[in-house]
Amino acid sequence: MTAYSQPQRIWDSDTYWELKGDTIVFTGKGRIGHVEGRTIPWGYNKKNIKYAIIGEGITYISKGALSGCYKLVGASL
């Protein structure tokens, strides 16, 4: 699994993602969703994600954003 030392911007939005071990952290302001024709930036790491932390400024997260995270056991706001 790739670990990033700082949040990575999600496409051209004001939202960011970061992997911390087996946890994905979403921060920023706005929506996180699937965009037709684009690969989710954290897609290569989905099989290892166990936890998701969704920051206060995130207003929406699509079901496609975490689909394929078969080890996911918890999410928190």
N, C-alpha and C. Protein backbone atom coordinates (compact mmCIF):
# COMPACT_ATOMS: atom_id res chain seq x y z
N MET A 1 0.85 -1.17 0.00
CA MET A 1 0.00 0.00 0.00
C MET A 1 0.89 1.23 0.00
N THR A 2 0.54 2.19 -0.79
CA THR A 2 1.27 3.45 -0.84
C THR A 2 0.79 4.36 0.27
N ALA A 3 1.70 4.95 1.00
CA ALA A 3 1.33 5.91 2.04
C ALA A 3 1.78 7.29 1.59
N TYR A 4 0.91 8.24 1.72
CA TYR A 4 1.22 9.60 1.31
C TYR A 4 1.47 10.45 2.55
N SER A 5 2.47 11.31 2.47
CA SER A 5 2.82 12.14 3.62
C SER A 5 1.97 13.39 3.71
N GLN A 6 1.25 13.68 2.64
CA GLN A 6 0.36 14.83 2.67
C GLN A 6 -0.87 14.52 1.82
N PRO A 7 -1.98 15.20 2.09
CA PRO A 7 -3.20 14.93 1.32
C PRO A 7 -3.01 15.20 -0.17
N GLN A 8 -3.65 14.37 -0.97
CA GLN A 8 -3.60 14.48 -2.43
C GLN A 8 -4.93 15.03 -2.92
N ARG A 9 -4.90 16.02 -3.78
CA ARG A 9 -6.11 16.64 -4.30
C ARG A 9 -6.89 15.65 -5.17
N ILE A 10 -8.21 15.67 -5.04
CA ILE A 10 -9.06 14.82 -5.86
C ILE A 10 -9.49 15.62 -7.07
N TRP A 11 -8.91 15.29 -8.21
CA TRP A 11 -9.16 15.96 -9.48
C TRP A 11 -9.09 17.48 -9.33
N ASP A 12 -10.07 18.20 -9.80
CA ASP A 12 -10.05 19.66 -9.75
C ASP A 12 -11.00 20.18 -8.68
N SER A 13 -11.03 19.54 -7.56
CA SER A 13 -11.99 19.90 -6.51
C SER A 13 -11.28 20.52 -5.31
N ASP A 14 -12.06 20.83 -4.30
CA ASP A 14 -11.51 21.31 -3.04
C ASP A 14 -11.51 20.20 -2.00
N THR A 15 -11.45 18.95 -2.47
CA THR A 15 -11.41 17.80 -1.58
C THR A 15 -10.09 17.06 -1.76
N TYR A 16 -9.69 16.38 -0.71
CA TYR A 16 -8.40 15.71 -0.68
C TYR A 16 -8.53 14.33 -0.06
N TRP A 17 -7.58 13.46 -0.37
CA TRP A 17 -7.52 12.14 0.25
C TRP A 17 -6.10 11.86 0.68
N GLU A 18 -5.98 11.01 1.67
CA GLU A 18 -4.66 10.64 2.19
C GLU A 18 -4.77 9.25 2.80
N LEU A 19 -3.77 8.41 2.56
CA LEU A 19 -3.71 7.11 3.19
C LEU A 19 -2.78 7.16 4.38
N LYS A 20 -3.28 6.64 5.49
CA LYS A 20 -2.48 6.53 6.71
C LYS A 20 -2.58 5.08 7.14
N GLY A 21 -1.63 4.28 6.70
CA GLY A 21 -1.69 2.84 6.96
C GLY A 21 -2.87 2.24 6.21
N ASP A 22 -3.80 1.62 6.96
CA ASP A 22 -4.97 1.00 6.33
C ASP A 22 -6.21 1.91 6.39
N THR A 23 -5.98 3.20 6.61
CA THR A 23 -7.06 4.18 6.76
C THR A 23 -6.98 5.23 5.66
N ILE A 24 -8.13 5.50 5.04
CA ILE A 24 -8.21 6.59 4.07
C ILE A 24 -8.90 7.76 4.76
N VAL A 25 -8.32 8.94 4.58
CA VAL A 25 -8.86 10.15 5.21
C VAL A 25 -9.25 11.12 4.11
N PHE A 26 -10.51 11.57 4.15
CA PHE A 26 -11.01 12.57 3.20
C PHE A 26 -11.16 13.90 3.92
N THR A 27 -10.59 14.95 3.35
CA THR A 27 -10.68 16.28 3.94
C THR A 27 -11.04 17.30 2.86
N GLY A 28 -11.26 18.53 3.28
CA GLY A 28 -11.58 19.60 2.36
C GLY A 28 -13.04 19.98 2.45
N LYS A 29 -13.54 20.55 1.36
CA LYS A 29 -14.93 21.00 1.33
C LYS A 29 -15.57 20.57 0.03
N GLY A 30 -16.73 19.92 0.12
CA GLY A 30 -17.46 19.54 -1.07
C GLY A 30 -17.76 18.06 -1.16
N ARG A 31 -17.97 17.62 -2.38
CA ARG A 31 -18.42 16.27 -2.69
C ARG A 31 -17.26 15.38 -3.14
N ILE A 32 -17.37 14.12 -2.77
CA ILE A 32 -16.44 13.11 -3.26
C ILE A 32 -17.29 12.08 -3.97
N GLY A 33 -17.05 11.90 -5.24
CA GLY A 33 -17.87 10.96 -5.98
C GLY A 33 -17.15 10.38 -7.17
N HIS A 34 -17.84 9.48 -7.81
CA HIS A 34 -17.31 8.85 -9.01
C HIS A 34 -17.57 9.77 -10.20
N VAL A 35 -16.59 9.95 -11.02
CA VAL A 35 -16.74 10.74 -12.24
C VAL A 35 -16.57 9.78 -13.41
N GLU A 36 -17.57 9.70 -14.25
CA GLU A 36 -17.54 8.79 -15.40
C GLU A 36 -16.27 8.98 -16.22
N GLY A 37 -15.60 7.89 -16.49
CA GLY A 37 -14.39 7.95 -17.31
C GLY A 37 -13.12 8.26 -16.53
N ARG A 38 -13.23 8.46 -15.23
CA ARG A 38 -12.04 8.73 -14.41
C ARG A 38 -11.86 7.64 -13.38
N THR A 39 -10.64 7.26 -13.17
CA THR A 39 -10.31 6.28 -12.15
C THR A 39 -10.14 6.99 -10.82
N ILE A 40 -10.69 6.41 -9.78
CA ILE A 40 -10.54 6.99 -8.44
C ILE A 40 -9.06 6.91 -8.07
N PRO A 41 -8.47 8.03 -7.64
CA PRO A 41 -7.02 8.07 -7.40
C PRO A 41 -6.51 7.04 -6.40
N TRP A 42 -7.30 6.65 -5.44
CA TRP A 42 -6.87 5.69 -4.43
C TRP A 42 -7.25 4.26 -4.81
N GLY A 43 -7.69 4.08 -6.05
CA GLY A 43 -8.17 2.77 -6.52
C GLY A 43 -7.20 1.62 -6.34
N TYR A 44 -5.93 1.86 -6.54
CA TYR A 44 -4.94 0.79 -6.41
C TYR A 44 -4.79 0.32 -4.96
N ASN A 45 -5.26 1.10 -4.02
CA ASN A 45 -5.12 0.77 -2.61
C ASN A 45 -6.41 0.26 -1.98
N LYS A 46 -7.49 0.22 -2.75
CA LYS A 46 -8.79 -0.15 -2.20
C LYS A 46 -8.79 -1.48 -1.47
N LYS A 47 -8.06 -2.45 -1.98
CA LYS A 47 -8.09 -3.79 -1.38
C LYS A 47 -7.49 -3.83 0.03
N ASN A 48 -6.78 -2.79 0.43
CA ASN A 48 -6.14 -2.76 1.74
C ASN A 48 -6.80 -1.80 2.74
N ILE A 49 -7.79 -1.05 2.30
CA ILE A 49 -8.42 -0.04 3.17
C ILE A 49 -9.38 -0.71 4.14
N LYS A 50 -9.16 -0.47 5.45
CA LYS A 50 -10.03 -1.02 6.49
C LYS A 50 -10.91 0.06 7.12
N TYR A 51 -10.45 1.29 7.12
CA TYR A 51 -11.18 2.37 7.79
C TYR A 51 -11.23 3.60 6.89
N ALA A 52 -12.29 4.37 7.04
CA ALA A 52 -12.44 5.63 6.32
C ALA A 52 -12.80 6.72 7.32
N ILE A 53 -12.12 7.83 7.22
CA ILE A 53 -12.43 9.00 8.04
C ILE A 53 -12.87 10.10 7.10
N ILE A 54 -14.06 10.62 7.33
CA ILE A 54 -14.64 11.63 6.45
C ILE A 54 -14.67 12.94 7.21
N GLY A 55 -13.90 13.91 6.73
CA GLY A 55 -13.76 15.20 7.39
C GLY A 55 -15.05 16.02 7.41
N GLU A 56 -15.08 16.96 8.29
CA GLU A 56 -16.24 17.80 8.55
C GLU A 56 -16.75 18.54 7.31
N GLY A 57 -15.88 18.96 6.43
CA GLY A 57 -16.28 19.74 5.26
C GLY A 57 -16.80 18.93 4.09
N ILE A 58 -16.72 17.60 4.18
CA ILE A 58 -17.21 16.75 3.09
C ILE A 58 -18.73 16.68 3.18
N THR A 59 -19.40 17.05 2.09
CA THR A 59 -20.86 17.11 2.09
C THR A 59 -21.53 15.89 1.49
N TYR A 60 -20.78 15.08 0.75
CA TYR A 60 -21.36 13.92 0.08
C TYR A 60 -20.23 12.99 -0.32
N ILE A 61 -20.46 11.70 -0.20
CA ILE A 61 -19.51 10.72 -0.70
C ILE A 61 -20.31 9.64 -1.42
N SER A 62 -19.98 9.39 -2.67
CA SER A 62 -20.75 8.44 -3.46
C SER A 62 -20.42 7.01 -3.05
N LYS A 63 -21.35 6.10 -3.34
CA LYS A 63 -21.10 4.70 -3.03
C LYS A 63 -19.93 4.15 -3.84
N GLY A 64 -19.67 4.71 -4.99
CA GLY A 64 -18.56 4.26 -5.82
C GLY A 64 -17.20 4.62 -5.25
N ALA A 65 -17.16 5.61 -4.38
CA ALA A 65 -15.89 6.06 -3.82
C ALA A 65 -15.22 4.98 -2.98
N LEU A 66 -16.01 4.14 -2.33
CA LEU A 66 -15.45 3.11 -1.47
C LEU A 66 -15.82 1.69 -1.93
N SER A 67 -16.45 1.58 -3.09
CA SER A 67 -16.75 0.24 -3.59
C SER A 67 -15.44 -0.47 -3.88
N GLY A 68 -15.40 -1.73 -3.60
CA GLY A 68 -14.18 -2.50 -3.78
C GLY A 68 -13.28 -2.50 -2.56
N CYS A 69 -13.65 -1.77 -1.53
CA CYS A 69 -12.91 -1.78 -0.26
C CYS A 69 -13.48 -2.92 0.58
N TYR A 70 -13.16 -4.14 0.20
CA TYR A 70 -13.77 -5.32 0.81
C TYR A 70 -13.35 -5.55 2.25
N LYS A 71 -12.27 -4.95 2.69
CA LYS A 71 -11.83 -5.09 4.07
C LYS A 71 -12.38 -3.97 4.97
N LEU A 72 -13.15 -3.06 4.40
CA LEU A 72 -13.67 -1.92 5.15
C LEU A 72 -14.54 -2.39 6.31
N VAL A 73 -14.17 -2.00 7.52
CA VAL A 73 -14.93 -2.40 8.71
C VAL A 73 -15.51 -1.21 9.46
N GLY A 74 -15.09 0.01 9.10
CA GLY A 74 -15.62 1.15 9.81
C GLY A 74 -15.35 2.46 9.10
N ALA A 75 -16.24 3.40 9.39
CA ALA A 75 -16.10 4.76 8.86
C ALA A 75 -16.53 5.71 9.98
N SER A 76 -15.89 6.87 10.01
CA SER A 76 -16.26 7.85 11.03
C SER A 76 -16.24 9.24 10.44
N LEU A 77 -16.99 10.11 11.06
CA LEU A 77 -17.06 11.50 10.63
C LEU A 77 -16.22 12.35 11.55
